[in-house]
């Protein structure tokens, strides 16, 4: 049986963390969870510790001091996953914007469909976003088109934060070379996987805006993505990407 680890970075998610954890724990595939909490003052980590006693060995917690950024949280989680021998590693938000049931579809795409990376895509079948203001939908949708145009990355939802990696992808991409820690981190990981020749597929999902807690989105995050993409493309022109079967 494959070992599956779902990484969820948290900051002030006490309203969601219990429900999202239980939703993952009750899925038909035995997923494990790694919560990476950036010193939430609202007690998110305490709730996780309580849940750890109820689901022994399946819930892991890393506590960090202060808000250190989404990208650094995931990279910390990736290291944990590789060190502990997980086969498939997932990124997911704590706020139910990603439906935990879709983890099964991402797993199937990789474990049985031959993908090295599966992306939960909002835009592979039209626009599947619920409860977002139209301005934000358009900004996100055109951000992905912009990324395609600048980089050539053949992915409809390049900014998606819901995905599954086979461990070989994370072993090939050097986390120390990942430059961005915010929104552009998601683009950079996909770009690197594509450049190394991994098989990436998009799985249609419906993205629902959080009902509880506060969104972490800001203008600065989009700015990083816009200018970061150009920077990333230019740097890639001066870099050799080994085919992943040689990089192992």
Protein backbone atom coordinates (compact mmCIF):
# COMPACT_ATOMS: atom_id res chain seq x y z
CA UNK A 1 0.00 0.00 0.00
CA UNK A 2 1.29 3.46 -0.86
CA UNK A 3 2.07 5.89 1.93
CA UNK A 4 0.27 9.21 1.49
CA UNK A 5 1.04 12.45 3.32
CA UNK A 6 -1.18 15.54 3.10
CA UNK A 7 0.63 18.75 4.09
CA UNK A 8 -1.51 21.60 5.44
CA UNK A 9 0.19 24.87 6.45
CA UNK A 10 -1.83 26.79 9.05
CA UNK A 11 -2.01 30.22 10.60
CA UNK A 12 -5.06 30.99 12.77
CA UNK A 13 -7.24 28.14 11.48
CA UNK A 14 -8.90 27.02 14.73
CA UNK A 15 -12.34 27.33 13.09
CA UNK A 16 -11.42 24.84 10.36
CA UNK A 17 -8.62 22.57 11.57
CA UNK A 18 -10.72 20.02 13.47
CA UNK A 19 -13.24 19.56 10.63
CA UNK A 20 -10.64 19.37 7.87
CA UNK A 21 -8.59 16.84 9.87
CA UNK A 22 -11.58 14.60 10.50
CA UNK A 23 -12.62 14.85 6.84
CA UNK A 24 -9.18 13.57 5.76
CA UNK A 25 -9.07 10.87 8.46
CA UNK A 26 -12.37 9.35 7.25
CA UNK A 27 -11.44 9.05 3.54
CA UNK A 28 -11.37 5.52 2.06
CA UNK A 29 -7.61 5.76 1.44
CA UNK A 30 -5.45 5.95 4.61
CA UNK A 31 -3.98 9.44 4.27
CA UNK A 32 -1.69 10.83 6.95
CA UNK A 33 -1.63 14.54 7.79
CA UNK A 34 1.25 16.91 8.48
CA UNK A 35 0.13 20.24 9.92
CA UNK A 36 2.76 22.98 9.77
CA UNK A 37 1.64 25.75 12.08
CA UNK A 38 3.34 29.14 11.99
CA UNK A 39 2.86 30.06 15.65
CA UNK A 40 -0.91 30.65 15.42
CA UNK A 41 -1.95 32.76 18.43
CA UNK A 42 -5.50 31.33 18.24
CA UNK A 43 -4.49 27.86 19.48
CA UNK A 44 -4.65 25.95 16.17
CA UNK A 45 -1.72 23.75 17.26
CA UNK A 46 -3.42 22.81 20.55
CA UNK A 47 -6.41 21.44 18.63
CA UNK A 48 -4.03 19.41 16.43
CA UNK A 49 -2.32 17.95 19.52
CA UNK A 50 -5.70 16.91 20.88
CA UNK A 51 -6.55 15.20 17.56
CA UNK A 52 -3.18 13.42 17.55
CA UNK A 53 -4.24 11.41 20.60
CA UNK A 54 -7.42 10.30 18.80
CA UNK A 55 -5.64 9.24 15.57
CA UNK A 56 -2.35 7.84 16.75
CA UNK A 57 0.45 7.87 14.18
CA UNK A 58 -1.61 9.48 11.41
CA UNK A 59 -1.39 13.16 12.39
CA UNK A 60 1.96 14.94 12.58
CA UNK A 61 2.64 18.50 13.73
CA UNK A 62 5.51 20.88 13.11
CA UNK A 63 5.34 24.18 14.99
CA UNK A 64 7.34 27.13 13.72
CA UNK A 65 7.89 30.53 15.27
CA UNK A 66 6.11 33.30 13.41
CA UNK A 67 4.78 33.58 9.85
CA UNK A 68 7.54 32.28 7.61
CA UNK A 69 5.61 31.95 4.34
CA UNK A 70 3.65 29.30 2.50
CA UNK A 71 6.55 28.12 0.35
CA UNK A 72 8.92 27.53 3.29
CA UNK A 73 6.16 25.59 5.09
CA UNK A 74 5.69 23.26 2.13
CA UNK A 75 9.45 22.81 1.64
CA UNK A 76 9.76 21.87 5.32
CA UNK A 77 6.92 19.39 4.78
CA UNK A 78 8.54 17.97 1.63
CA UNK A 79 11.73 17.26 3.58
CA UNK A 80 9.73 15.50 6.28
CA UNK A 81 7.95 13.41 3.62
CA UNK A 82 11.16 12.32 1.86
CA UNK A 83 12.97 11.56 5.14
CA UNK A 84 10.05 9.42 6.30
CA UNK A 85 9.54 7.47 3.07
CA UNK A 86 6.15 8.67 1.81
CA UNK A 87 5.25 7.77 -1.78
CA UNK A 88 2.72 10.52 -2.54
CA UNK A 89 2.78 14.00 -1.02
CA UNK A 90 -0.13 16.44 -1.23
CA UNK A 91 -0.57 20.19 -0.76
CA UNK A 92 -3.94 21.33 0.58
CA UNK A 93 -5.47 24.36 2.30
CA UNK A 94 -7.03 24.14 5.76
CA UNK A 95 -10.13 26.16 4.91
CA UNK A 96 -12.20 23.72 2.79
CA UNK A 97 -11.59 25.74 -0.40
CA UNK A 98 -10.24 22.36 -1.54
CA UNK A 99 -12.68 19.51 -1.01
CA UNK A 100 -10.86 16.74 0.93
CA UNK A 101 -12.79 14.11 -1.09
CA UNK A 102 -10.82 15.26 -4.16
CA UNK A 103 -7.63 13.90 -2.57
CA UNK A 104 -8.80 10.48 -3.76
CA UNK A 105 -9.01 11.71 -7.38
CA UNK A 106 -5.48 13.17 -7.15
CA UNK A 107 -4.21 9.88 -5.71
CA UNK A 108 -5.88 7.87 -8.50
CA UNK A 109 -4.35 10.12 -11.18
CA UNK A 110 -0.85 9.40 -9.85
CA UNK A 111 -1.10 5.87 -8.45
CA UNK A 112 -3.21 4.39 -11.26
CA UNK A 113 -3.11 7.00 -14.03
CA UNK A 114 0.66 7.27 -14.41
CA UNK A 115 1.00 10.95 -13.48
CA UNK A 116 4.06 12.21 -11.57
CA UNK A 117 2.13 15.29 -10.47
CA UNK A 118 -1.65 15.75 -10.33
CA UNK A 119 -3.11 19.24 -10.03
CA UNK A 120 -6.59 19.96 -8.70
CA UNK A 121 -7.55 22.36 -11.49
CA UNK A 122 -10.21 25.08 -11.35
CA UNK A 123 -9.92 25.88 -15.06
CA UNK A 124 -9.53 22.60 -16.94
CA UNK A 125 -13.31 22.49 -17.56
CA UNK A 126 -14.38 26.13 -17.77
CA UNK A 127 -14.20 28.13 -14.52
CA UNK A 128 -15.13 26.12 -11.42
CA UNK A 129 -14.98 28.62 -8.57
CA UNK A 130 -17.72 29.18 -5.97
CA UNK A 131 -18.26 32.33 -3.86
CA UNK A 132 -15.44 34.41 -5.34
CA UNK A 133 -16.08 37.99 -6.44
CA UNK A 134 -15.90 38.26 -10.23
CA UNK A 135 -12.81 40.49 -10.05
CA UNK A 136 -10.86 37.83 -8.21
CA UNK A 137 -12.02 35.07 -10.56
CA UNK A 138 -10.85 37.09 -13.56
CA UNK A 139 -7.55 38.00 -11.88
CA UNK A 140 -6.80 34.34 -11.07
CA UNK A 141 -7.93 33.04 -14.47
CA UNK A 142 -5.89 35.59 -16.42
CA UNK A 143 -2.91 35.05 -14.11
CA UNK A 144 -2.81 31.45 -15.32
CA UNK A 145 -3.07 32.53 -18.98
CA UNK A 146 -0.28 35.04 -18.34
CA UNK A 147 1.93 32.31 -16.87
CA UNK A 148 1.29 30.11 -19.93
CA UNK A 149 2.21 32.94 -22.28
CA UNK A 150 5.42 33.93 -20.48
CA UNK A 151 6.75 30.47 -19.60
CA UNK A 152 5.15 28.08 -22.10
CA UNK A 153 3.96 25.95 -19.16
CA UNK A 154 1.09 23.88 -20.64
CA UNK A 155 -1.13 24.02 -17.56
CA UNK A 156 -4.50 25.76 -17.34
CA UNK A 157 -4.37 26.38 -13.55
CA UNK A 158 -0.73 27.24 -12.88
CA UNK A 159 -1.48 29.02 -9.59
CA UNK A 160 -3.39 26.04 -8.08
CA UNK A 161 -2.38 25.10 -4.54
CA UNK A 162 -4.06 21.68 -4.41
CA UNK A 163 -1.87 18.93 -5.78
CA UNK A 164 -0.20 15.55 -5.44
CA UNK A 165 3.48 14.83 -6.12
CA UNK A 166 5.13 11.49 -6.54
CA UNK A 167 8.16 11.50 -4.24
CA UNK A 168 10.52 11.40 -7.29
CA UNK A 169 9.41 14.95 -8.22
CA UNK A 170 10.40 16.31 -4.81
CA UNK A 171 13.66 14.37 -4.86
CA UNK A 172 14.57 15.89 -8.24
CA UNK A 173 13.63 19.53 -7.60
CA UNK A 174 16.22 21.01 -5.25
CA UNK A 175 14.18 22.84 -2.58
CA UNK A 176 17.12 25.17 -1.89
CA UNK A 177 16.81 26.49 -5.45
CA UNK A 178 13.14 27.41 -5.00
CA UNK A 179 13.11 31.17 -4.92
CA UNK A 180 9.57 32.19 -4.00
CA UNK A 181 7.81 31.74 -0.69
CA UNK A 182 4.40 33.25 -1.50
CA UNK A 183 1.85 32.78 -4.26
CA UNK A 184 4.52 32.36 -6.97
CA UNK A 185 5.85 29.29 -5.13
CA UNK A 186 2.97 27.28 -6.65
CA UNK A 187 3.92 28.38 -10.18
CA UNK A 188 7.63 27.75 -9.62
CA UNK A 189 7.10 24.16 -8.42
CA UNK A 190 5.00 23.29 -11.49
CA UNK A 191 7.44 25.04 -13.83
CA UNK A 192 10.38 23.07 -12.40
CA UNK A 193 8.54 19.74 -12.58
CA UNK A 194 7.63 20.45 -16.22
CA UNK A 195 11.20 21.48 -17.10
CA UNK A 196 12.50 18.20 -15.66
CA UNK A 197 10.11 16.30 -17.92
CA UNK A 198 7.68 14.94 -15.35
CA UNK A 199 4.20 13.88 -16.44
CA UNK A 200 1.74 16.48 -15.08
CA UNK A 201 -2.04 16.07 -15.30
CA UNK A 202 -4.90 18.35 -14.28
CA UNK A 203 -7.86 16.86 -12.44
CA UNK A 204 -11.05 18.98 -12.49
CA UNK A 205 -12.16 20.23 -9.05
CA UNK A 206 -14.59 22.85 -7.75
CA UNK A 207 -12.88 25.48 -5.62
CA UNK A 208 -15.05 27.03 -2.89
CA UNK A 209 -14.09 30.22 -1.07
CA UNK A 210 -13.60 29.70 2.67
CA UNK A 211 -16.68 30.02 4.86
CA UNK A 212 -14.80 30.43 8.17
CA UNK A 213 -11.68 32.36 9.13
CA UNK A 214 -9.86 35.02 7.13
CA UNK A 215 -8.37 34.80 3.66
CA UNK A 216 -4.57 35.23 3.41
CA UNK A 217 -4.72 36.72 -0.12
CA UNK A 218 -3.24 40.18 -0.70
CA UNK A 219 -2.14 42.47 -3.54
CA UNK A 220 1.51 41.85 -2.72
CA UNK A 221 1.01 38.15 -3.35
CA UNK A 222 -0.24 38.82 -6.89
CA UNK A 223 2.59 41.28 -7.50
CA UNK A 224 5.13 38.60 -6.60
CA UNK A 225 3.49 36.26 -9.09
CA UNK A 226 3.45 38.79 -11.95
CA UNK A 227 7.09 39.89 -11.68
CA UNK A 228 8.31 36.57 -10.35
CA UNK A 229 7.16 34.72 -13.45
CA UNK A 230 9.28 36.92 -15.74
CA UNK A 231 12.28 36.51 -13.44
CA UNK A 232 11.76 32.74 -13.32
CA UNK A 233 11.57 32.47 -17.12
CA UNK A 234 14.74 34.52 -17.64
CA UNK A 235 16.68 32.45 -15.09
CA UNK A 236 15.52 29.22 -16.72
CA UNK A 237 17.14 30.26 -20.00
CA UNK A 238 20.56 30.04 -18.31
CA UNK A 239 19.94 26.78 -16.48
CA UNK A 240 20.14 23.14 -17.57
CA UNK A 241 17.34 20.88 -16.38
CA UNK A 242 18.38 17.26 -16.23
CA UNK A 243 15.70 14.81 -17.40
CA UNK A 244 14.25 13.46 -14.17
CA UNK A 245 15.31 9.83 -14.79
CA UNK A 246 18.94 11.04 -14.87
CA UNK A 247 18.54 13.39 -11.92
CA UNK A 248 17.70 10.59 -9.47
